N, C-alpha and C. Protein backbone atom coordinates (compact mmCIF):
# COMPACT_ATOMS: atom_id res chain seq x y z
N MET A 1 -33.53 -17.87 4.51
CA MET A 1 -32.87 -17.27 5.54
C MET A 1 -32.22 -15.91 5.47
N ILE A 2 -31.44 -15.72 4.34
CA ILE A 2 -30.94 -14.36 3.66
C ILE A 2 -32.05 -13.45 3.56
N SER A 3 -33.19 -13.80 3.04
CA SER A 3 -34.25 -12.67 2.71
C SER A 3 -34.76 -12.29 4.20
N ARG A 4 -34.65 -12.97 5.18
CA ARG A 4 -35.07 -12.70 6.60
C ARG A 4 -34.07 -11.55 7.15
N VAL A 5 -32.71 -11.86 6.74
CA VAL A 5 -31.67 -11.11 7.42
C VAL A 5 -31.52 -9.70 6.76
N ASN A 6 -31.65 -9.67 5.38
CA ASN A 6 -31.43 -8.34 4.62
C ASN A 6 -31.97 -7.33 5.21
N PRO A 7 -33.59 -7.20 5.91
CA PRO A 7 -33.89 -5.91 6.37
C PRO A 7 -33.11 -5.26 7.60
N PHE A 8 -32.28 -6.29 8.24
CA PHE A 8 -31.44 -5.91 9.64
C PHE A 8 -30.17 -5.34 8.95
N LEU A 9 -29.68 -5.50 7.90
CA LEU A 9 -28.27 -5.29 7.43
C LEU A 9 -28.21 -3.74 7.28
N ASP A 10 -27.14 -3.14 7.45
CA ASP A 10 -26.80 -1.77 6.85
C ASP A 10 -26.50 -1.61 5.50
N ALA A 11 -27.12 -0.50 4.99
CA ALA A 11 -26.91 -0.36 3.42
C ALA A 11 -25.39 -0.26 3.14
N GLN A 12 -25.19 -0.92 1.87
CA GLN A 12 -23.81 -1.07 1.49
C GLN A 12 -23.47 0.34 0.96
N PRO A 13 -22.30 0.74 1.17
CA PRO A 13 -21.66 2.08 0.48
C PRO A 13 -21.97 2.00 -0.99
N PRO A 14 -21.95 2.99 -1.66
CA PRO A 14 -21.74 3.11 -3.06
C PRO A 14 -20.29 2.53 -3.62
N LYS A 15 -20.27 1.80 -4.73
CA LYS A 15 -19.19 1.25 -5.12
C LYS A 15 -18.29 2.44 -5.78
N LYS A 16 -16.97 2.37 -5.57
CA LYS A 16 -16.25 3.58 -6.16
C LYS A 16 -15.05 2.70 -7.06
N LYS A 17 -14.65 3.51 -8.02
CA LYS A 17 -13.73 3.28 -8.98
C LYS A 17 -12.80 4.27 -9.22
N PHE A 18 -11.45 4.08 -9.05
CA PHE A 18 -10.74 5.29 -9.23
C PHE A 18 -9.22 5.00 -9.48
N ARG A 19 -8.08 5.58 -9.73
CA ARG A 19 -6.84 5.30 -9.99
C ARG A 19 -5.91 5.89 -8.79
N ILE A 20 -5.09 5.32 -8.47
CA ILE A 20 -4.11 5.71 -7.57
C ILE A 20 -2.66 5.75 -8.00
N THR A 21 -1.97 6.85 -8.02
CA THR A 21 -0.77 7.12 -8.75
C THR A 21 0.33 7.01 -7.62
N ILE A 22 1.29 6.05 -7.58
CA ILE A 22 2.32 5.99 -6.61
C ILE A 22 3.72 6.64 -7.46
N HIS A 23 4.11 7.83 -6.84
CA HIS A 23 5.08 8.62 -7.38
C HIS A 23 6.48 8.18 -6.69
N LYS A 24 6.76 8.54 -5.58
CA LYS A 24 7.99 8.25 -4.97
C LYS A 24 8.00 8.31 -3.49
N ALA A 25 9.02 8.00 -2.88
CA ALA A 25 9.31 8.14 -1.45
C ALA A 25 10.51 8.55 -0.96
N LYS A 26 10.64 9.15 0.26
CA LYS A 26 12.00 9.52 0.63
C LYS A 26 12.22 8.98 2.00
N ILE A 27 13.21 7.97 2.09
CA ILE A 27 13.42 7.19 3.49
C ILE A 27 14.44 8.16 4.19
N THR A 28 14.32 8.66 5.12
CA THR A 28 15.22 9.42 5.94
C THR A 28 15.57 8.96 7.40
N ASN A 29 14.64 8.30 8.00
CA ASN A 29 15.28 7.64 9.25
C ASN A 29 15.13 6.23 9.35
N LEU A 30 16.53 5.70 8.78
CA LEU A 30 16.65 4.36 8.78
C LEU A 30 17.58 3.83 9.78
N ASN A 31 17.06 2.99 10.54
CA ASN A 31 18.22 2.46 11.49
C ASN A 31 19.60 1.87 10.97
N GLN A 32 20.57 2.06 11.72
CA GLN A 32 21.81 1.72 11.16
C GLN A 32 21.92 0.15 11.12
N ARG A 33 21.36 -0.65 11.98
CA ARG A 33 21.43 -1.96 11.95
C ARG A 33 20.62 -2.57 10.75
N ARG A 34 19.75 -1.97 10.21
CA ARG A 34 18.91 -2.40 8.96
C ARG A 34 19.88 -2.27 7.79
N SER A 35 20.68 -1.41 7.68
CA SER A 35 21.31 -1.41 6.28
C SER A 35 22.69 -0.74 6.67
N LYS A 36 23.66 -1.03 5.77
CA LYS A 36 24.93 -0.37 5.80
C LYS A 36 24.92 1.05 5.69
N LYS A 37 25.84 1.82 6.12
CA LYS A 37 25.98 3.37 6.06
C LYS A 37 26.14 3.63 4.75
N ASP A 38 25.33 4.60 4.06
CA ASP A 38 25.48 5.11 2.77
C ASP A 38 25.07 4.08 1.65
N ASP A 39 24.47 3.02 2.19
CA ASP A 39 23.98 1.86 1.10
C ASP A 39 22.31 2.06 1.08
N GLY A 40 21.89 1.87 -0.09
CA GLY A 40 20.40 1.97 -0.28
C GLY A 40 19.77 0.69 0.09
N ILE A 41 18.50 0.49 0.17
CA ILE A 41 17.69 -0.57 0.31
C ILE A 41 16.59 -0.72 -0.63
N ASN A 42 16.25 -2.02 -0.79
CA ASN A 42 15.43 -2.63 -1.87
C ASN A 42 13.95 -2.26 -1.30
N THR A 43 13.07 -1.50 -2.02
CA THR A 43 11.90 -1.21 -1.26
C THR A 43 10.62 -1.34 -2.40
N TYR A 44 9.53 -1.47 -2.04
CA TYR A 44 8.38 -1.59 -2.63
C TYR A 44 7.14 -0.93 -2.10
N CYS A 45 6.03 -0.58 -2.71
CA CYS A 45 4.88 0.25 -2.23
C CYS A 45 3.78 -1.03 -2.57
N GLU A 46 2.79 -1.09 -1.45
CA GLU A 46 1.64 -1.79 -1.71
C GLU A 46 0.50 -1.02 -1.22
N THR A 47 -0.60 -1.07 -2.09
CA THR A 47 -1.92 -0.42 -1.79
C THR A 47 -2.96 -1.09 -1.59
N ARG A 48 -3.69 -0.86 -0.71
CA ARG A 48 -4.93 -1.77 -0.38
C ARG A 48 -6.13 -0.97 -0.36
N PHE A 49 -7.26 -1.28 -1.11
CA PHE A 49 -8.65 -0.69 -1.19
C PHE A 49 -9.63 -1.70 -1.27
N ASP A 50 -10.40 -1.87 -0.14
CA ASP A 50 -11.45 -2.95 -0.06
C ASP A 50 -10.94 -4.48 -0.28
N LEU A 51 -11.15 -5.13 -1.26
CA LEU A 51 -10.47 -6.28 -1.38
C LEU A 51 -9.27 -6.40 -2.67
N SER A 52 -9.24 -5.25 -3.06
CA SER A 52 -8.10 -5.02 -4.25
C SER A 52 -6.55 -4.65 -3.47
N SER A 53 -5.76 -5.39 -3.85
CA SER A 53 -4.25 -5.15 -3.24
C SER A 53 -3.48 -5.08 -4.57
N SER A 54 -2.51 -4.10 -4.55
CA SER A 54 -1.51 -4.19 -5.72
C SER A 54 -0.13 -3.65 -4.93
N LYS A 55 1.02 -3.99 -5.81
CA LYS A 55 2.12 -3.94 -5.42
C LYS A 55 2.91 -3.18 -6.64
N THR A 56 3.89 -2.27 -6.14
CA THR A 56 4.86 -1.60 -7.12
C THR A 56 5.89 -2.54 -7.49
N LYS A 57 6.75 -2.46 -8.56
CA LYS A 57 7.86 -3.13 -8.79
C LYS A 57 8.99 -2.64 -7.59
N ILE A 58 9.98 -3.57 -7.36
CA ILE A 58 11.06 -3.21 -6.29
C ILE A 58 12.05 -2.24 -6.90
N ALA A 59 12.10 -1.09 -6.18
CA ALA A 59 13.10 -0.05 -6.42
C ALA A 59 14.36 -0.44 -5.61
N LYS A 60 15.46 -0.81 -6.49
CA LYS A 60 16.67 -1.52 -5.87
C LYS A 60 17.79 -0.54 -5.14
N LYS A 61 18.19 -0.60 -4.28
CA LYS A 61 19.32 0.07 -3.43
C LYS A 61 19.24 1.46 -3.58
N THR A 62 18.32 2.10 -3.15
CA THR A 62 18.03 3.67 -3.14
C THR A 62 17.34 3.95 -1.81
N LEU A 63 17.65 4.96 -1.35
CA LEU A 63 16.77 5.73 -0.34
C LEU A 63 15.76 6.64 -0.82
N ASP A 64 15.65 6.98 -2.00
CA ASP A 64 14.78 7.82 -2.62
C ASP A 64 14.14 7.06 -3.87
N PRO A 65 13.31 5.91 -3.54
CA PRO A 65 12.67 5.09 -4.62
C PRO A 65 11.55 6.07 -5.47
N THR A 66 11.63 5.88 -6.80
CA THR A 66 10.76 6.18 -7.71
C THR A 66 9.82 5.16 -8.42
N TRP A 67 8.75 5.30 -8.47
CA TRP A 67 7.88 4.25 -9.20
C TRP A 67 7.18 4.70 -10.16
N ASN A 68 6.37 5.95 -10.14
CA ASN A 68 5.48 6.19 -11.16
C ASN A 68 4.42 5.31 -11.72
N THR A 69 3.93 4.56 -10.82
CA THR A 69 2.92 3.54 -11.16
C THR A 69 1.66 3.86 -10.84
N VAL A 70 0.58 3.50 -11.63
CA VAL A 70 -0.89 3.72 -11.40
C VAL A 70 -1.50 2.45 -10.91
N HIS A 71 -2.28 2.29 -10.03
CA HIS A 71 -3.22 1.19 -9.72
C HIS A 71 -4.64 1.71 -9.92
N GLU A 72 -5.26 0.79 -10.50
CA GLU A 72 -6.85 1.15 -10.61
C GLU A 72 -7.49 0.17 -9.50
N VAL A 73 -8.10 0.81 -8.71
CA VAL A 73 -9.03 0.15 -7.63
C VAL A 73 -10.50 0.07 -7.58
N GLU A 74 -11.17 -0.73 -7.27
CA GLU A 74 -12.60 -0.54 -7.30
C GLU A 74 -13.26 -1.35 -5.74
N GLY A 75 -14.18 -0.88 -5.34
CA GLY A 75 -14.70 -1.35 -4.00
C GLY A 75 -15.68 -0.46 -3.41
N CYS A 76 -16.14 -0.93 -2.13
CA CYS A 76 -17.02 -0.22 -1.36
C CYS A 76 -16.36 0.48 -0.20
N ALA A 77 -15.12 0.41 0.02
CA ALA A 77 -14.48 0.70 1.41
C ALA A 77 -14.42 2.16 1.66
N THR A 78 -14.20 2.57 2.74
CA THR A 78 -14.04 4.19 2.87
C THR A 78 -12.56 4.55 3.19
N THR A 79 -11.57 3.55 3.08
CA THR A 79 -10.20 3.97 3.49
C THR A 79 -9.09 3.21 2.30
N ILE A 80 -8.12 3.80 2.11
CA ILE A 80 -6.92 3.29 1.37
C ILE A 80 -5.90 3.30 2.28
N GLU A 81 -5.24 2.19 2.28
CA GLU A 81 -3.97 1.84 2.91
C GLU A 81 -2.77 1.75 2.16
N ILE A 82 -1.87 2.41 2.36
CA ILE A 82 -0.60 2.58 1.57
C ILE A 82 0.56 2.28 2.46
N THR A 83 1.42 1.19 2.14
CA THR A 83 2.38 0.71 3.00
C THR A 83 3.80 0.59 2.07
N LEU A 84 4.76 1.00 2.90
CA LEU A 84 6.14 0.91 2.27
C LEU A 84 6.90 0.01 2.84
N MET A 85 7.33 -1.01 1.99
CA MET A 85 8.28 -2.31 2.61
C MET A 85 9.55 -2.41 1.96
N GLN A 86 10.24 -3.05 2.72
CA GLN A 86 11.65 -3.33 2.46
C GLN A 86 11.62 -5.01 2.01
N LYS A 87 12.26 -5.11 0.92
CA LYS A 87 12.36 -6.53 0.34
C LYS A 87 13.87 -6.94 0.71
N ARG A 88 14.03 -7.88 1.66
CA ARG A 88 15.29 -8.58 1.98
C ARG A 88 15.26 -9.86 1.70
N GLY A 89 15.85 -10.26 0.47
CA GLY A 89 16.17 -11.58 -0.04
C GLY A 89 14.83 -12.33 -0.31
N PHE A 90 14.81 -13.62 -0.55
CA PHE A 90 13.60 -14.43 -0.94
C PHE A 90 12.74 -14.46 0.18
N ALA A 91 11.36 -14.10 -0.17
CA ALA A 91 10.37 -14.13 0.94
C ALA A 91 10.67 -13.61 2.05
N LYS A 92 11.42 -12.59 2.18
CA LYS A 92 11.48 -11.90 3.64
C LYS A 92 11.40 -10.33 3.29
N GLN A 93 10.68 -9.84 4.12
CA GLN A 93 10.60 -8.48 3.97
C GLN A 93 10.30 -7.73 5.40
N ASN A 94 10.56 -6.38 5.32
CA ASN A 94 10.49 -5.42 6.68
C ASN A 94 9.44 -4.32 6.48
N PHE A 95 8.65 -4.01 7.21
CA PHE A 95 7.76 -2.87 7.32
C PHE A 95 8.54 -1.65 7.47
N LEU A 96 8.25 -0.58 6.66
CA LEU A 96 9.03 0.64 6.78
C LEU A 96 8.09 1.73 7.24
N ALA A 97 6.86 1.73 6.56
CA ALA A 97 5.91 2.89 6.93
C ALA A 97 4.66 2.63 6.28
N ARG A 98 3.67 3.26 6.66
CA ARG A 98 2.04 3.04 6.63
C ARG A 98 1.42 4.25 6.84
N THR A 99 0.52 4.43 5.82
CA THR A 99 -0.47 5.66 5.96
C THR A 99 -1.77 5.17 5.47
N VAL A 100 -2.64 5.71 6.23
CA VAL A 100 -4.25 5.21 5.81
C VAL A 100 -5.03 6.68 5.49
N VAL A 101 -5.51 6.51 4.24
CA VAL A 101 -6.28 7.65 3.86
C VAL A 101 -7.85 7.48 3.90
N GLU A 102 -8.38 8.42 4.54
CA GLU A 102 -10.00 8.33 4.74
C GLU A 102 -10.63 8.94 3.52
N LEU A 103 -11.60 8.25 3.14
CA LEU A 103 -12.49 8.73 1.83
C LEU A 103 -13.81 9.52 2.36
N GLU A 104 -14.27 10.23 1.62
CA GLU A 104 -15.81 10.61 2.05
C GLU A 104 -16.68 10.26 1.07
């Protein structure tokens, strides 16, 4: 059956392998209800590419987190998704920001 379907499928994009370096973030627009005034928050960054997903370590109690982490990714996707999350206790997290980078 699969051999009959293959001619109708689109060609798979070439496989890519590269490194993503996560340096730092700057959190400027934080709602007062999420955190006490002048108090930092615990944050981490997550990258997704194709089936690969990696997280940085948690930067504790800061509004200017710095990670300097390298993630090696591999796959056939055409976009990279980078998400900034707030860690709030055991198994609790809040979405802060997301960007999607298109690859050529």
